[in-house]
Amino acid sequence: MKVLSIKVDDRLHRRLRNRAASANLSLSQLLHPLLEEAAGAGGRYVFTGQDEILGVVIQIFTLVTELAAERGHALVERASIEARHAMRERGLLPSGIIPVPGELDNEQDLPGRVS
């Protein structure tokens, strides 16, 4: 196996070392999946400690969507629009992905809006 040397500032090194230690991993074990992802074309996302939380969020989202669907698809559509809007505002969704600009400008016209 080859050894790869990179230069990082002290602060970043300390943060990486602490993150690895908190996961019971060596620094190499922590960074190896990141390097694999960087080298691969179209590979999966890099494993992080947030994966368990993400899994729970996906389960909750699925349950809530199913419950909302029982009340009507307009409610699901409205919630999806608002979720995408909130994600885009926080930089979690690229601006090229819906909602399109102005999607929430006229909220009373959105499906499921209760006045």
C-alpha atoms as a PDB file:
ATOM      1  CA  MET A   1       0.000   0.000   0.000  1.00  0.00           C
ATOM      2  CA  LYS A   2       1.273   3.472  -0.876  1.00  0.00           C
ATOM      3  CA  VAL A   3       1.684   6.314   1.604  1.00  0.00           C
ATOM      4  CA  LEU A   4       0.177   9.675   0.705  1.00  0.00           C
ATOM      5  CA  SER A   5       1.520  12.814   2.357  1.00  0.00           C
ATOM      6  CA  ILE A   6      -0.456  16.039   2.385  1.00  0.00           C
ATOM      7  CA  LYS A   7       0.043  19.322   4.184  1.00  0.00           C
ATOM      8  CA  VAL A   8      -2.724  20.715   6.362  1.00  0.00           C
ATOM      9  CA  ASP A   9      -2.711  23.472   8.943  1.00  0.00           C
ATOM     10  CA  ASP A  10      -2.513  22.589  12.635  1.00  0.00           C
ATOM     11  CA  ARG A  11      -6.146  23.437  13.317  1.00  0.00           C
ATOM     12  CA  LEU A  12      -7.458  21.160  10.556  1.00  0.00           C
ATOM     13  CA  HIS A  13      -5.114  18.365  11.627  1.00  0.00           C
ATOM     14  CA  ARG A  14      -6.351  18.626  15.216  1.00  0.00           C
ATOM     15  CA  ARG A  15      -9.997  18.552  14.096  1.00  0.00           C
ATOM     16  CA  LEU A  16      -9.412  15.530  11.849  1.00  0.00           C
ATOM     17  CA  ARG A  17      -7.488  13.711  14.555  1.00  0.00           C
ATOM     18  CA  ASN A  18     -10.280  14.401  17.087  1.00  0.00           C
ATOM     19  CA  ARG A  19     -12.969  13.277  14.675  1.00  0.00           C
ATOM     20  CA  ALA A  20     -11.082  10.055  13.954  1.00  0.00           C
ATOM     21  CA  ALA A  21     -10.548   9.403  17.657  1.00  0.00           C
ATOM     22  CA  SER A  22     -14.227   9.984  18.449  1.00  0.00           C
ATOM     23  CA  ALA A  23     -15.130   7.327  15.860  1.00  0.00           C
ATOM     24  CA  ASN A  24     -12.426   4.898  17.052  1.00  0.00           C
ATOM     25  CA  LEU A  25     -10.674   5.220  13.700  1.00  0.00           C
ATOM     26  CA  SER A  26      -7.143   5.998  12.684  1.00  0.00           C
ATOM     27  CA  LEU A  27      -6.662   9.141  10.653  1.00  0.00           C
ATOM     28  CA  SER A  28      -6.038   6.932   7.604  1.00  0.00           C
ATOM     29  CA  GLN A  29      -9.269   5.014   8.192  1.00  0.00           C
ATOM     30  CA  LEU A  30     -11.214   8.267   8.499  1.00  0.00           C
ATOM     31  CA  LEU A  31      -9.772   9.762   5.319  1.00  0.00           C
ATOM     32  CA  HIS A  32      -9.699   6.644   3.125  1.00  0.00           C
ATOM     33  CA  PRO A  33     -13.439   6.766   2.203  1.00  0.00           C
ATOM     34  CA  LEU A  34     -13.083  10.449   1.313  1.00  0.00           C
ATOM     35  CA  LEU A  35     -10.184   9.675  -0.986  1.00  0.00           C
ATOM     36  CA  GLU A  36     -12.081   6.767  -2.568  1.00  0.00           C
ATOM     37  CA  GLU A  37     -15.015   9.076  -3.254  1.00  0.00           C
ATOM     38  CA  ALA A  38     -12.755  11.757  -4.699  1.00  0.00           C
ATOM     39  CA  ALA A  39     -11.109   9.210  -7.011  1.00  0.00           C
ATOM     40  CA  GLY A  40     -14.309   7.505  -8.153  1.00  0.00           C
ATOM     41  CA  ALA A  41     -16.642   8.732 -10.836  1.00  0.00           C
ATOM     42  CA  GLY A  42     -20.282   8.791  -9.757  1.00  0.00           C
ATOM     43  CA  GLY A  43     -19.669   6.856  -6.558  1.00  0.00           C
ATOM     44  CA  ARG A  44     -21.775   6.958  -3.438  1.00  0.00           C
ATOM     45  CA  TYR A  45     -21.532   9.789  -0.964  1.00  0.00           C
ATOM     46  CA  VAL A  46     -18.867   9.690   1.694  1.00  0.00           C
ATOM     47  CA  PHE A  47     -19.838   8.011   4.974  1.00  0.00           C
ATOM     48  CA  THR A  48     -20.135  10.418   7.864  1.00  0.00           C
ATOM     49  CA  GLY A  49     -21.284  10.248  11.437  1.00  0.00           C
ATOM     50  CA  GLN A  50     -24.507  11.895  10.278  1.00  0.00           C
ATOM     51  CA  ASP A  51     -25.641   8.793   8.376  1.00  0.00           C
ATOM     52  CA  GLU A  52     -27.575   7.362  11.321  1.00  0.00           C
ATOM     53  CA  ILE A  53     -29.380  10.666  11.813  1.00  0.00           C
ATOM     54  CA  LEU A  54     -30.092  10.858   8.092  1.00  0.00           C
ATOM     55  CA  GLY A  55     -31.558   7.351   8.186  1.00  0.00           C
ATOM     56  CA  VAL A  56     -33.911   8.321  11.011  1.00  0.00           C
ATOM     57  CA  VAL A  57     -34.925  11.501   9.182  1.00  0.00           C
ATOM     58  CA  ILE A  58     -35.710   9.508   6.028  1.00  0.00           C
ATOM     59  CA  GLN A  59     -37.875   7.102   8.037  1.00  0.00           C
ATOM     60  CA  ILE A  60     -39.740   9.976   9.698  1.00  0.00           C
ATOM     61  CA  PHE A  61     -40.212  11.690   6.340  1.00  0.00           C
ATOM     62  CA  THR A  62     -41.634   8.493   4.850  1.00  0.00           C
ATOM     63  CA  LEU A  63     -44.096   8.055   7.716  1.00  0.00           C
ATOM     64  CA  VAL A  64     -45.216  11.691   7.620  1.00  0.00           C
ATOM     65  CA  THR A  65     -45.613  11.561   3.834  1.00  0.00           C
ATOM     66  CA  GLU A  66     -47.778   8.456   4.078  1.00  0.00           C
ATOM     67  CA  LEU A  67     -49.944  10.059   6.759  1.00  0.00           C
ATOM     68  CA  ALA A  68     -50.253  13.273   4.752  1.00  0.00           C
ATOM     69  CA  ALA A  69     -51.102  11.303   1.598  1.00  0.00           C
ATOM     70  CA  GLU A  70     -54.091   9.831   3.424  1.00  0.00           C
ATOM     71  CA  ARG A  71     -55.348  13.402   3.971  1.00  0.00           C
ATOM     72  CA  GLY A  72     -54.750  14.410   0.379  1.00  0.00           C
ATOM     73  CA  HIS A  73     -51.982  14.720  -2.167  1.00  0.00           C
ATOM     74  CA  ALA A  74     -52.211  18.521  -2.182  1.00  0.00           C
ATOM     75  CA  LEU A  75     -50.862  18.538   1.382  1.00  0.00           C
ATOM     76  CA  VAL A  76     -47.906  16.352   0.359  1.00  0.00           C
ATOM     77  CA  GLU A  77     -47.202  18.566  -2.656  1.00  0.00           C
ATOM     78  CA  ARG A  78     -47.307  21.756  -0.560  1.00  0.00           C
ATOM     79  CA  ALA A  79     -45.035  20.278   2.115  1.00  0.00           C
ATOM     80  CA  SER A  80     -42.564  19.129  -0.547  1.00  0.00           C
ATOM     81  CA  ILE A  81     -42.477  22.580  -2.114  1.00  0.00           C
ATOM     82  CA  GLU A  82     -41.878  24.254   1.240  1.00  0.00           C
ATOM     83  CA  ALA A  83     -39.213  21.700   2.230  1.00  0.00           C
ATOM     84  CA  ARG A  84     -37.305  22.239  -1.026  1.00  0.00           C
ATOM     85  CA  HIS A  85     -37.556  26.010  -0.545  1.00  0.00           C
ATOM     86  CA  ALA A  86     -36.177  25.788   3.026  1.00  0.00           C
ATOM     87  CA  MET A  87     -33.374  23.461   1.921  1.00  0.00           C
ATOM     88  CA  ARG A  88     -32.408  25.790  -0.936  1.00  0.00           C
ATOM     89  CA  GLU A  89     -32.349  28.815   1.415  1.00  0.00           C
ATOM     90  CA  ARG A  90     -29.897  26.947   3.664  1.00  0.00           C
ATOM     91  CA  GLY A  91     -27.645  25.908   0.795  1.00  0.00           C
ATOM     92  CA  LEU A  92     -28.651  22.247   1.032  1.00  0.00           C
ATOM     93  CA  LEU A  93     -30.214  22.137  -2.417  1.00  0.00           C
ATOM     94  CA  PRO A  94     -28.631  23.568  -5.570  1.00  0.00           C
ATOM     95  CA  SER A  95     -30.581  26.477  -7.020  1.00  0.00           C
ATOM     96  CA  GLY A  96     -30.968  24.636 -10.347  1.00  0.00           C
ATOM     97  CA  ILE A  97     -33.232  22.070  -8.683  1.00  0.00           C
ATOM     98  CA  ILE A  98     -36.869  22.917  -8.054  1.00  0.00           C
ATOM     99  CA  PRO A  99     -38.411  24.929  -6.486  1.00  0.00           C
ATOM    100  CA  VAL A 100     -38.058  27.356  -9.324  1.00  0.00           C
ATOM    101  CA  PRO A 101     -37.668  31.045  -8.480  1.00  0.00           C
ATOM    102  CA  GLY A 102     -41.010  32.498  -7.472  1.00  0.00           C
ATOM    103  CA  GLU A 103     -42.554  29.132  -6.589  1.00  0.00           C
ATOM    104  CA  LEU A 104     -43.515  30.390  -3.138  1.00  0.00           C
ATOM    105  CA  ASP A 105     -44.225  34.007  -4.151  1.00  0.00           C
ATOM    106  CA  ASN A 106     -47.970  33.514  -4.316  1.00  0.00           C
ATOM    107  CA  GLU A 107     -48.581  31.173  -1.385  1.00  0.00           C
ATOM    108  CA  GLN A 108     -52.372  31.340  -1.453  1.00  0.00           C
ATOM    109  CA  ASP A 109     -52.295  29.665  -4.884  1.00  0.00           C
ATOM    110  CA  LEU A 110     -50.317  26.647  -3.647  1.00  0.00           C
ATOM    111  CA  PRO A 111     -52.121  23.330  -3.242  1.00  0.00           C
ATOM    112  CA  GLY A 112     -53.334  22.572   0.251  1.00  0.00           C
ATOM    113  CA  ARG A 113     -53.235  26.178   1.493  1.00  0.00           C
ATOM    114  CA  VAL A 114     -55.817  26.707   4.210  1.00  0.00           C
ATOM    115  CA  SER A 115     -56.954  30.318   4.545  1.00  0.00           C
END
